[in-house]
Amino acid sequence: MHASSLATLLLFPLAAGLPAGSAVKPCTAPSGMTQEALLAQAEIARGLAGTDAVALDPSSSCITISVRTPGTARLVELLLRGMKVPAEAVRFQVDASAIPAEASRRT
């Protein structure tokens, strides 16, 4: 099965890059900052092409950002680093169809 044919979304923490497996680190909000304050800072990502949603996930204490490609995820990661949004408080949803299959990658 090719990754481009998958209809699922991959979840991964901001600082972890692309997922190596199914394990996902839990999100943790930093002490001294509310989730709402972090969400307000992360809202800037909505203005980037390829970002579909920025939302607070109360069940996992994460800011969840939906993006179309791994490249967009990296761009948002760098932007949020500049905005002082802690990497451990953010999780991405990346459209799996944008990730090339192993066989089609060049070495």
PDB file of N, CA and C in Angstrom:
ATOM      1  N   MET A   1       0.849  -1.182   0.000  1.00  0.00           N
ATOM      2  CA  MET A   1       0.000   0.000   0.000  1.00  0.00           C
ATOM      3  C   MET A   1       0.893   1.242   0.000  1.00  0.00           C
ATOM      4  N   HIS A   2       0.589   2.175  -0.863  1.00  0.00           N
ATOM      5  CA  HIS A   2       1.363   3.405  -0.959  1.00  0.00           C
ATOM      6  C   HIS A   2       0.823   4.445   0.005  1.00  0.00           C
ATOM      7  N   ALA A   3       1.733   5.252   0.548  1.00  0.00           N
ATOM      8  CA  ALA A   3       1.316   6.299   1.487  1.00  0.00           C
ATOM      9  C   ALA A   3       0.385   7.299   0.818  1.00  0.00           C
ATOM     10  N   SER A   4       0.557   7.497  -0.484  1.00  0.00           N
ATOM     11  CA  SER A   4      -0.298   8.467  -1.170  1.00  0.00           C
ATOM     12  C   SER A   4      -1.752   8.004  -1.253  1.00  0.00           C
ATOM     13  N   SER A   5      -1.992   6.700  -1.065  1.00  0.00           N
ATOM     14  CA  SER A   5      -3.364   6.213  -1.135  1.00  0.00           C
ATOM     15  C   SER A   5      -4.055   6.197   0.224  1.00  0.00           C
ATOM     16  N   LEU A   6      -3.331   6.520   1.275  1.00  0.00           N
ATOM     17  CA  LEU A   6      -3.928   6.525   2.606  1.00  0.00           C
ATOM     18  C   LEU A   6      -4.842   7.724   2.780  1.00  0.00           C
ATOM     19  N   ALA A   7      -5.955   7.513   3.404  1.00  0.00           N
ATOM     20  CA  ALA A   7      -6.897   8.604   3.648  1.00  0.00           C
ATOM     21  C   ALA A   7      -6.825   9.081   5.085  1.00  0.00           C
ATOM     22  N   THR A   8      -5.940   8.497   5.868  1.00  0.00           N
ATOM     23  CA  THR A   8      -5.847   8.865   7.277  1.00  0.00           C
ATOM     24  C   THR A   8      -4.914  10.041   7.474  1.00  0.00           C
ATOM     25  N   LEU A   9      -4.972  10.605   8.652  1.00  0.00           N
ATOM     26  CA  LEU A   9      -4.066  11.678   9.032  1.00  0.00           C
ATOM     27  C   LEU A   9      -3.025  11.146   9.995  1.00  0.00           C
ATOM     28  N   LEU A  10      -1.827  11.643   9.891  1.00  0.00           N
ATOM     29  CA  LEU A  10      -0.775  11.285  10.836  1.00  0.00           C
ATOM     30  C   LEU A  10      -0.687  12.357  11.899  1.00  0.00           C
ATOM     31  N   LEU A  11      -0.513  11.936  13.132  1.00  0.00           N
ATOM     32  CA  LEU A  11      -0.331  12.872  14.240  1.00  0.00           C
ATOM     33  C   LEU A  11       1.119  12.821  14.678  1.00  0.00           C
ATOM     34  N   PHE A  12       1.696  13.968  14.941  1.00  0.00           N
ATOM     35  CA  PHE A  12       3.026  13.970  15.530  1.00  0.00           C
ATOM     36  C   PHE A  12       3.284  15.263  16.264  1.00  0.00           C
ATOM     37  N   PRO A  13       4.086  15.184  17.325  1.00  0.00           N
ATOM     38  CA  PRO A  13       4.409  16.384  18.075  1.00  0.00           C
ATOM     39  C   PRO A  13       5.284  17.317  17.253  1.00  0.00           C
ATOM     40  N   LEU A  14       5.225  18.572  17.566  1.00  0.00           N
ATOM     41  CA  LEU A  14       5.930  19.606  16.834  1.00  0.00           C
ATOM     42  C   LEU A  14       7.420  19.338  16.705  1.00  0.00           C
ATOM     43  N   ALA A  15       8.102  19.039  17.787  1.00  0.00           N
ATOM     44  CA  ALA A  15       9.552  18.912  17.765  1.00  0.00           C
ATOM     45  C   ALA A  15      10.041  17.567  17.257  1.00  0.00           C
ATOM     46  N   ALA A  16       9.170  16.619  17.057  1.00  0.00           N
ATOM     47  CA  ALA A  16       9.600  15.270  16.721  1.00  0.00           C
ATOM     48  C   ALA A  16       9.822  15.047  15.234  1.00  0.00           C
ATOM     49  N   GLY A  17       9.410  15.952  14.371  1.00  0.00           N
ATOM     50  CA  GLY A  17       9.539  15.734  12.945  1.00  0.00           C
ATOM     51  C   GLY A  17       8.537  14.710  12.485  1.00  0.00           C
ATOM     52  N   LEU A  18       8.823  14.021  11.408  1.00  0.00           N
ATOM     53  CA  LEU A  18       7.895  13.011  10.912  1.00  0.00           C
ATOM     54  C   LEU A  18       7.901  11.803  11.825  1.00  0.00           C
ATOM     55  N   PRO A  19       6.756  11.158  11.969  1.00  0.00           N
ATOM     56  CA  PRO A  19       6.675  10.026  12.882  1.00  0.00           C
ATOM     57  C   PRO A  19       7.459   8.833  12.376  1.00  0.00           C
ATOM     58  N   ALA A  20       8.170   8.170  13.273  1.00  0.00           N
ATOM     59  CA  ALA A  20       8.899   6.966  12.917  1.00  0.00           C
ATOM     60  C   ALA A  20       8.022   5.743  13.101  1.00  0.00           C
ATOM     61  N   GLY A  21       7.020   5.844  13.912  1.00  0.00           N
ATOM     62  CA  GLY A  21       6.119   4.723  14.175  1.00  0.00           C
ATOM     63  C   GLY A  21       4.801   5.258  14.664  1.00  0.00           C
ATOM     64  N   SER A  22       4.102   4.426  15.399  1.00  0.00           N
ATOM     65  CA  SER A  22       2.783   4.836  15.855  1.00  0.00           C
ATOM     66  C   SER A  22       2.825   5.547  17.203  1.00  0.00           C
ATOM     67  N   ALA A  23       3.959   5.556  17.880  1.00  0.00           N
ATOM     68  CA  ALA A  23       4.054   6.189  19.192  1.00  0.00           C
ATOM     69  C   ALA A  23       4.042   7.707  19.045  1.00  0.00           C
ATOM     70  N   VAL A  24       3.212   8.357  19.829  1.00  0.00           N
ATOM     71  CA  VAL A  24       3.111   9.808  19.809  1.00  0.00           C
ATOM     72  C   VAL A  24       3.325  10.304  21.226  1.00  0.00           C
ATOM     73  N   LYS A  25       4.235  11.252  21.379  1.00  0.00           N
ATOM     74  CA  LYS A  25       4.483  11.813  22.700  1.00  0.00           C
ATOM     75  C   LYS A  25       3.279  12.624  23.151  1.00  0.00           C
ATOM     76  N   PRO A  26       2.941  12.524  24.439  1.00  0.00           N
ATOM     77  CA  PRO A  26       1.827  13.332  24.933  1.00  0.00           C
ATOM     78  C   PRO A  26       2.197  14.810  24.989  1.00  0.00           C
ATOM     79  N   CYS A  27       1.228  15.660  24.816  1.00  0.00           N
ATOM     80  CA  CYS A  27       1.454  17.093  24.899  1.00  0.00           C
ATOM     81  C   CYS A  27       1.384  17.539  26.352  1.00  0.00           C
ATOM     82  N   THR A  28       2.146  18.543  26.665  1.00  0.00           N
ATOM     83  CA  THR A  28       2.108  19.127  28.001  1.00  0.00           C
ATOM     84  C   THR A  28       2.153  20.635  27.873  1.00  0.00           C
ATOM     85  N   ALA A  29       1.220  21.285  28.517  1.00  0.00           N
ATOM     86  CA  ALA A  29       1.228  22.744  28.543  1.00  0.00           C
ATOM     87  C   ALA A  29       2.254  23.209  29.559  1.00  0.00           C
ATOM     88  N   PRO A  30       3.047  24.206  29.241  1.00  0.00           N
ATOM     89  CA  PRO A  30       4.059  24.688  30.185  1.00  0.00           C
ATOM     90  C   PRO A  30       3.403  25.357  31.388  1.00  0.00           C
ATOM     91  N   SER A  31       4.068  25.265  32.514  1.00  0.00           N
ATOM     92  CA  SER A  31       3.530  25.924  33.704  1.00  0.00           C
ATOM     93  C   SER A  31       3.605  27.435  33.522  1.00  0.00           C
ATOM     94  N   GLY A  32       2.607  28.119  34.047  1.00  0.00           N
ATOM     95  CA  GLY A  32       2.573  29.574  33.965  1.00  0.00           C
ATOM     96  C   GLY A  32       1.867  30.110  32.739  1.00  0.00           C
ATOM     97  N   MET A  33       1.479  29.249  31.801  1.00  0.00           N
ATOM     98  CA  MET A  33       0.762  29.698  30.606  1.00  0.00           C
ATOM     99  C   MET A  33      -0.523  28.898  30.484  1.00  0.00           C
ATOM    100  N   THR A  34      -1.599  29.572  30.188  1.00  0.00           N
ATOM    101  CA  THR A  34      -2.861  28.883  29.968  1.00  0.00           C
ATOM    102  C   THR A  34      -2.924  28.368  28.532  1.00  0.00           C
ATOM    103  N   GLN A  35      -3.753  27.364  28.324  1.00  0.00           N
ATOM    104  CA  GLN A  35      -3.928  26.844  26.973  1.00  0.00           C
ATOM    105  C   GLN A  35      -4.499  27.909  26.045  1.00  0.00           C
ATOM    106  N   GLU A  36      -5.361  28.746  26.573  1.00  0.00           N
ATOM    107  CA  GLU A  36      -5.957  29.800  25.759  1.00  0.00           C
ATOM    108  C   GLU A  36      -4.908  30.819  25.302  1.00  0.00           C
ATOM    109  N   ALA A  37      -3.943  31.125  26.179  1.00  0.00           N
ATOM    110  CA  ALA A  37      -2.869  32.052  25.810  1.00  0.00           C
ATOM    111  C   ALA A  37      -1.987  31.447  24.724  1.00  0.00           C
ATOM    112  N   LEU A  38      -1.699  30.161  24.845  1.00  0.00           N
ATOM    113  CA  LEU A  38      -0.900  29.484  23.819  1.00  0.00           C
ATOM    114  C   LEU A  38      -1.645  29.442  22.495  1.00  0.00           C
ATOM    115  N   LEU A  39      -2.944  29.174  22.567  1.00  0.00           N
ATOM    116  CA  LEU A  39      -3.749  29.133  21.355  1.00  0.00           C
ATOM    117  C   LEU A  39      -3.750  30.491  20.657  1.00  0.00           C
ATOM    118  N   ALA A  40      -3.852  31.545  21.430  1.00  0.00           N
ATOM    119  CA  ALA A  40      -3.830  32.894  20.850  1.00  0.00           C
ATOM    120  C   ALA A  40      -2.517  33.146  20.106  1.00  0.00           C
ATOM    121  N   GLN A  41      -1.404  32.672  20.650  1.00  0.00           N
ATOM    122  CA  GLN A  41      -0.114  32.840  19.977  1.00  0.00           C
ATOM    123  C   GLN A  41      -0.025  31.964  18.726  1.00  0.00           C
ATOM    124  N   ALA A  42      -0.592  30.768  18.786  1.00  0.00           N
ATOM    125  CA  ALA A  42      -0.506  29.827  17.664  1.00  0.00           C
ATOM    126  C   ALA A  42      -1.433  30.194  16.513  1.00  0.00           C
ATOM    127  N   GLU A  43      -2.402  31.053  16.747  1.00  0.00           N
ATOM    128  CA  GLU A  43      -3.363  31.448  15.708  1.00  0.00           C
ATOM    129  C   GLU A  43      -2.681  32.047  14.482  1.00  0.00           C
ATOM    130  N   ILE A  44      -1.473  32.561  14.629  1.00  0.00           N
ATOM    131  CA  ILE A  44      -0.762  33.150  13.492  1.00  0.00           C
ATOM    132  C   ILE A  44      -0.546  32.124  12.394  1.00  0.00           C
ATOM    133  N   ALA A  45      -0.516  30.844  12.743  1.00  0.00           N
ATOM    134  CA  ALA A  45      -0.304  29.787  11.748  1.00  0.00           C
ATOM    135  C   ALA A  45      -1.445  29.700  10.748  1.00  0.00           C
ATOM    136  N   ARG A  46      -2.635  30.156  11.123  1.00  0.00           N
ATOM    137  CA  ARG A  46      -3.783  30.114  10.203  1.00  0.00           C
ATOM    138  C   ARG A  46      -3.520  30.903   8.926  1.00  0.00           C
ATOM    139  N   GLY A  47      -2.669  31.903   8.996  1.00  0.00           N
ATOM    140  CA  GLY A  47      -2.399  32.742   7.841  1.00  0.00           C
ATOM    141  C   GLY A  47      -1.474  32.118   6.816  1.00  0.00           C
ATOM    142  N   LEU A  48      -0.895  30.977   7.124  1.00  0.00           N
ATOM    143  CA  LEU A  48       0.024  30.330   6.187  1.00  0.00           C
ATOM    144  C   LEU A  48      -0.735  29.398   5.246  1.00  0.00           C
ATOM    145  N   ALA A  49      -0.372  29.458   3.976  1.00  0.00           N
ATOM    146  CA  ALA A  49      -0.967  28.537   3.007  1.00  0.00           C
ATOM    147  C   ALA A  49      -0.642  27.111   3.419  1.00  0.00           C
ATOM    148  N   GLY A  50      -1.609  26.239   3.339  1.00  0.00           N
ATOM    149  CA  GLY A  50      -1.396  24.844   3.697  1.00  0.00           C
ATOM    150  C   GLY A  50      -1.799  24.520   5.122  1.00  0.00           C
ATOM    151  N   THR A  51      -2.167  25.533   5.901  1.00  0.00           N
ATOM    152  CA  THR A  51      -2.654  25.303   7.262  1.00  0.00           C
ATOM    153  C   THR A  51      -4.172  25.308   7.208  1.00  0.00           C
ATOM    154  N   ASP A  52      -4.769  24.197   7.627  1.00  0.00           N
ATOM    155  CA  ASP A  52      -6.223  24.062   7.553  1.00  0.00           C
ATOM    156  C   ASP A  52      -6.927  24.458   8.840  1.00  0.00           C
ATOM    157  N   ALA A  53      -6.323  24.186  10.006  1.00  0.00           N
ATOM    158  CA  ALA A  53      -6.994  24.474  11.272  1.00  0.00           C
ATOM    159  C   ALA A  53      -5.991  24.604  12.411  1.00  0.00           C
ATOM    160  N   VAL A  54      -6.353  25.440  13.371  1.00  0.00           N
ATOM    161  CA  VAL A  54      -5.607  25.589  14.626  1.00  0.00           C
ATOM    162  C   VAL A  54      -6.667  25.523  15.719  1.00  0.00           C
ATOM    163  N   ALA A  55      -6.549  24.520  16.596  1.00  0.00           N
ATOM    164  CA  ALA A  55      -7.598  24.328  17.601  1.00  0.00           C
ATOM    165  C   ALA A  55      -7.011  23.808  18.903  1.00  0.00           C
ATOM    166  N   LEU A  56      -7.724  24.056  19.971  1.00  0.00           N
ATOM    167  CA  LEU A  56      -7.361  23.556  21.287  1.00  0.00           C
ATOM    168  C   LEU A  56      -8.007  22.193  21.473  1.00  0.00           C
ATOM    169  N   ASP A  57      -7.218  21.214  21.861  1.00  0.00           N
ATOM    170  CA  ASP A  57      -7.727  19.865  22.116  1.00  0.00           C
ATOM    171  C   ASP A  57      -7.730  19.644  23.623  1.00  0.00           C
ATOM    172  N   PRO A  58      -8.860  19.867  24.289  1.00  0.00           N
ATOM    173  CA  PRO A  58      -8.900  19.781  25.746  1.00  0.00           C
ATOM    174  C   PRO A  58      -8.652  18.378  26.284  1.00  0.00           C
ATOM    175  N   SER A  59      -8.885  17.350  25.474  1.00  0.00           N
ATOM    176  CA  SER A  59      -8.690  15.990  25.958  1.00  0.00           C
ATOM    177  C   SER A  59      -7.221  15.615  26.100  1.00  0.00           C
ATOM    178  N   SER A  60      -6.343  16.305  25.387  1.00  0.00           N
ATOM    179  CA  SER A  60      -4.921  15.954  25.459  1.00  0.00           C
ATOM    180  C   SER A  60      -4.030  17.134  25.816  1.00  0.00           C
ATOM    181  N   SER A  61      -4.596  18.253  26.203  1.00  0.00           N
ATOM    182  CA  SER A  61      -3.827  19.446  26.574  1.00  0.00           C
ATOM    183  C   SER A  61      -2.918  19.926  25.454  1.00  0.00           C
ATOM    184  N   CYS A  62      -3.367  19.784  24.221  1.00  0.00           N
ATOM    185  CA  CYS A  62      -2.566  20.161  23.057  1.00  0.00           C
ATOM    186  C   CYS A  62      -3.243  21.254  22.255  1.00  0.00           C
ATOM    187  N   ILE A  63      -2.419  21.968  21.530  1.00  0.00           N
ATOM    188  CA  ILE A  63      -2.903  22.781  20.424  1.00  0.00           C
ATOM    189  C   ILE A  63      -2.704  21.888  19.210  1.00  0.00           C
ATOM    190  N   THR A  64      -3.766  21.602  18.489  1.00  0.00           N
ATOM    191  CA  THR A  64      -3.693  20.743  17.319  1.00  0.00           C
ATOM    192  C   THR A  64      -3.744  21.618  16.079  1.00  0.00           C
ATOM    193  N   ILE A  65      -2.760  21.427  15.206  1.00  0.00           N
ATOM    194  CA  ILE A  65      -2.676  22.205  13.974  1.00  0.00           C
ATOM    195  C   ILE A  65      -2.741  21.234  12.805  1.00  0.00           C
ATOM    196  N   SER A  66      -3.736  21.405  11.946  1.00  0.00           N
ATOM    197  CA  SER A  66      -3.910  20.560  10.759  1.00  0.00           C
ATOM    198  C   SER A  66      -3.255  21.236   9.568  1.00  0.00           C
ATOM    199  N   VAL A  67      -2.352  20.506   8.919  1.00  0.00           N
ATOM    200  CA  VAL A  67      -1.634  21.030   7.759  1.00  0.00           C
ATOM    201  C   VAL A  67      -1.707  20.024   6.623  1.00  0.00           C
ATOM    202  N   ARG A  68      -1.411  20.494   5.420  1.00  0.00           N
ATOM    203  CA  ARG A  68      -1.518  19.633   4.244  1.00  0.00           C
ATOM    204  C   ARG A  68      -0.257  18.852   3.938  1.00  0.00           C
ATOM    205  N   THR A  69       0.915  19.384   4.292  1.00  0.00           N
ATOM    206  CA  THR A  69       2.164  18.708   3.937  1.00  0.00           C
ATOM    207  C   THR A  69       3.156  18.763   5.094  1.00  0.00           C
ATOM    208  N   PRO A  70       4.132  17.860   5.091  1.00  0.00           N
ATOM    209  CA  PRO A  70       5.196  17.932   6.096  1.00  0.00           C
ATOM    210  C   PRO A  70       5.988  19.239   6.001  1.00  0.00           C
ATOM    211  N   GLY A  71       6.120  19.785   4.800  1.00  0.00           N
ATOM    212  CA  GLY A  71       6.822  21.055   4.633  1.00  0.00           C
ATOM    213  C   GLY A  71       6.101  22.204   5.324  1.00  0.00           C
ATOM    214  N   THR A  72       4.775  22.202   5.228  1.00  0.00           N
ATOM    215  CA  THR A  72       3.991  23.213   5.926  1.00  0.00           C
ATOM    216  C   THR A  72       4.143  23.044   7.432  1.00  0.00           C
ATOM    217  N   ALA A  73       4.179  21.799   7.894  1.00  0.00           N
ATOM    218  CA  ALA A  73       4.365  21.543   9.324  1.00  0.00           C
ATOM    219  C   ALA A  73       5.690  22.123   9.802  1.00  0.00           C
ATOM    220  N   ARG A  74       6.733  21.953   9.016  1.00  0.00           N
ATOM    221  CA  ARG A  74       8.049  22.487   9.391  1.00  0.00           C
ATOM    222  C   ARG A  74       8.024  24.018   9.402  1.00  0.00           C
ATOM    223  N   LEU A  75       7.382  24.622   8.432  1.00  0.00           N
ATOM    224  CA  LEU A  75       7.285  26.078   8.384  1.00  0.00           C
ATOM    225  C   LEU A  75       6.537  26.611   9.605  1.00  0.00           C
ATOM    226  N   VAL A  76       5.425  25.964   9.941  1.00  0.00           N
ATOM    227  CA  VAL A  76       4.661  26.378  11.118  1.00  0.00           C
ATOM    228  C   VAL A  76       5.488  26.162  12.385  1.00  0.00           C
ATOM    229  N   GLU A  77       6.228  25.068  12.444  1.00  0.00           N
ATOM    230  CA  GLU A  77       7.101  24.803  13.587  1.00  0.00           C
ATOM    231  C   GLU A  77       8.077  25.955  13.811  1.00  0.00           C
ATOM    232  N   LEU A  78       8.717  26.405  12.749  1.00  0.00           N
ATOM    233  CA  LEU A  78       9.676  27.499  12.863  1.00  0.00           C
ATOM    234  C   LEU A  78       8.995  28.810  13.254  1.00  0.00           C
ATOM    235  N   LEU A  79       7.832  29.059  12.683  1.00  0.00           N
ATOM    236  CA  LEU A  79       7.082  30.266  13.024  1.00  0.00           C
ATOM    237  C   LEU A  79       6.703  30.273  14.501  1.00  0.00           C
ATOM    238  N   LEU A  80       6.192  29.152  14.994  1.00  0.00           N
ATOM    239  CA  LEU A  80       5.768  29.081  16.392  1.00  0.00           C
ATOM    240  C   LEU A  80       6.947  29.137  17.349  1.00  0.00           C
ATOM    241  N   ARG A  81       8.087  28.621  16.927  1.00  0.00           N
ATOM    242  CA  ARG A  81       9.297  28.746  17.755  1.00  0.00           C
ATOM    243  C   ARG A  81       9.625  30.222  17.960  1.00  0.00           C
ATOM    244  N   GLY A  82       9.508  31.005  16.896  1.00  0.00           N
ATOM    245  CA  GLY A  82       9.740  32.445  16.997  1.00  0.00           C
ATOM    246  C   GLY A  82       8.707  33.156  17.859  1.00  0.00           C
ATOM    247  N   MET A  83       7.502  32.589  17.932  1.00  0.00           N
ATOM    248  CA  MET A  83       6.435  33.161  18.754  1.00  0.00           C
ATOM    249  C   MET A  83       6.498  32.666  20.197  1.00  0.00           C
ATOM    250  N   LYS A  84       7.517  31.869  20.516  1.00  0.00           N
ATOM    251  CA  LYS A  84       7.726  31.329  21.867  1.00  0.00           C
ATOM    252  C   LYS A  84       6.625  30.370  22.303  1.00  0.00           C
ATOM    253  N   VAL A  85       6.030  29.659  21.337  1.00  0.00           N
ATOM    254  CA  VAL A  85       5.065  28.607  21.664  1.00  0.00           C
ATOM    255  C   VAL A  85       5.881  27.337  21.901  1.00  0.00           C
ATOM    256  N   PRO A  86       5.808  26.760  23.092  1.00  0.00           N
ATOM    257  CA  PRO A  86       6.620  25.568  23.393  1.00  0.00           C
ATOM    258  C   PRO A  86       6.250  24.381  22.497  1.00  0.00           C
ATOM    259  N   ALA A  87       7.259  23.711  21.977  1.00  0.00           N
ATOM    260  CA  ALA A  87       7.038  22.578  21.080  1.00  0.00           C
ATOM    261  C   ALA A  87       6.234  21.467  21.741  1.00  0.00           C
ATOM    262  N   GLU A  88       6.418  21.277  23.031  1.00  0.00           N
ATOM    263  CA  GLU A  88       5.718  20.190  23.718  1.00  0.00           C
ATOM    264  C   GLU A  88       4.227  20.458  23.907  1.00  0.00           C
ATOM    265  N   ALA A  89       3.767  21.634  23.558  1.00  0.00           N
ATOM    266  CA  ALA A  89       2.344  21.974  23.699  1.00  0.00           C
ATOM    267  C   ALA A  89       1.586  21.888  22.384  1.00  0.00           C
ATOM    268  N   VAL A  90       2.264  21.466  21.302  1.00  0.00           N
ATOM    269  CA  VAL A  90       1.646  21.474  19.977  1.00  0.00           C
ATOM    270  C   VAL A  90       1.754  20.095  19.341  1.00  0.00           C
ATOM    271  N   ARG A  91       0.700  19.714  18.649  1.00  0.00           N
ATOM    272  CA  ARG A  91       0.690  18.477  17.870  1.00  0.00           C
ATOM    273  C   ARG A  91       0.142  18.807  16.491  1.00  0.00           C
ATOM    274  N   PHE A  92       0.747  18.215  15.463  1.00  0.00           N
ATOM    275  CA  PHE A  92       0.304  18.425  14.092  1.00  0.00           C
ATOM    276  C   PHE A  92      -0.532  17.252  13.612  1.00  0.00           C
ATOM    277  N   GLN A  93      -1.440  17.540  12.710  1.00  0.00           N
ATOM    278  CA  GLN A  93      -2.116  16.537  11.895  1.00  0.00           C
ATOM    279  C   GLN A  93      -1.673  16.833  10.474  1.00  0.00           C
ATOM    280  N   VAL A  94      -0.955  15.883   9.881  1.00  0.00           N
ATOM    281  CA  VAL A  94      -0.453  16.063   8.523  1.00  0.00           C
ATOM    282  C   VAL A  94      -1.208  15.112   7.602  1.00  0.00           C
ATOM    283  N   ASP A  95      -1.677  15.619   6.475  1.00  0.00           N
ATOM    284  CA  ASP A  95      -2.368  14.802   5.490  1.00  0.00           C
ATOM    285  C   ASP A  95      -1.395  13.740   4.979  1.00  0.00           C
ATOM    286  N   ALA A  96      -1.696  12.486   5.241  1.00  0.00           N
ATOM    287  CA  ALA A  96      -0.801  11.383   4.881  1.00  0.00           C
ATOM    288  C   ALA A  96      -0.626  11.239   3.375  1.00  0.00           C
ATOM    289  N   SER A  97      -1.571  11.697   2.588  1.00  0.00           N
ATOM    290  CA  SER A  97      -1.450  11.558   1.137  1.00  0.00           C
ATOM    291  C   SER A  97      -0.336  12.436   0.569  1.00  0.00           C
ATOM    292  N   ALA A  98       0.155  13.402   1.347  1.00  0.00           N
ATOM    293  CA  ALA A  98       1.229  14.278   0.874  1.00  0.00           C
ATOM    294  C   ALA A  98       2.616  13.691   1.120  1.00  0.00           C
ATOM    295  N   ILE A  99       2.683  12.585   1.865  1.00  0.00           N
ATOM    296  CA  ILE A  99       3.974  11.966   2.166  1.00  0.00           C
ATOM    297  C   ILE A  99       4.241  10.894   1.119  1.00  0.00           C
ATOM    298  N   PRO A 100       5.372  11.001   0.372  1.00  0.00           N
ATOM    299  CA  PRO A 100       5.634  10.029  -0.689  1.00  0.00           C
ATOM    300  C   PRO A 100       5.877   8.630  -0.122  1.00  0.00           C
ATOM    301  N   ALA A 101       5.531   7.615  -0.907  1.00  0.00           N
ATOM    302  CA  ALA A 101       5.766   6.226  -0.517  1.00  0.00           C
ATOM    303  C   ALA A 101       7.262   5.953  -0.466  1.00  0.00           C
ATOM    304  N   GLU A 102       7.665   4.991   0.350  1.00  0.00           N
ATOM    305  CA  GLU A 102       9.078   4.643   0.495  1.00  0.00           C
ATOM    306  C   GLU A 102       9.719   4.308  -0.857  1.00  0.00           C
ATOM    307  N   ALA A 103       9.030   3.571  -1.684  1.00  0.00           N
ATOM    308  CA  ALA A 103       9.588   3.140  -2.949  1.00  0.00           C
ATOM    309  C   ALA A 103       9.824   4.290  -3.916  1.00  0.00           C
ATOM    310  N   SER A 104       9.089   5.368  -3.772  1.00  0.00           N
ATOM    311  CA  SER A 104       9.222   6.481  -4.703  1.00  0.00           C
ATOM    312  C   SER A 104      10.237   7.513  -4.240  1.00  0.00           C
ATOM    313  N   ARG A 105      10.778   7.358  -3.041  1.00  0.00           N
ATOM    314  CA  ARG A 105      11.779   8.296  -2.549  1.00  0.00           C
ATOM    315  C   ARG A 105      13.120   8.028  -3.194  1.00  0.00           C
ATOM    316  N   ARG A 106      13.835   9.077  -3.466  1.00  0.00           N
ATOM    317  CA  ARG A 106      15.173   8.931  -4.037  1.00  0.00           C
ATOM    318  C   ARG A 106      16.189   8.899  -2.925  1.00  0.00           C
ATOM    319  N   THR A 107      17.210   8.066  -3.081  1.00  0.00           N
ATOM    320  CA  THR A 107      18.263   7.971  -2.064  1.00  0.00           C
ATOM    321  C   THR A 107      19.514   8.646  -2.509  1.00  0.00           C
TER     322      THR A 107
END
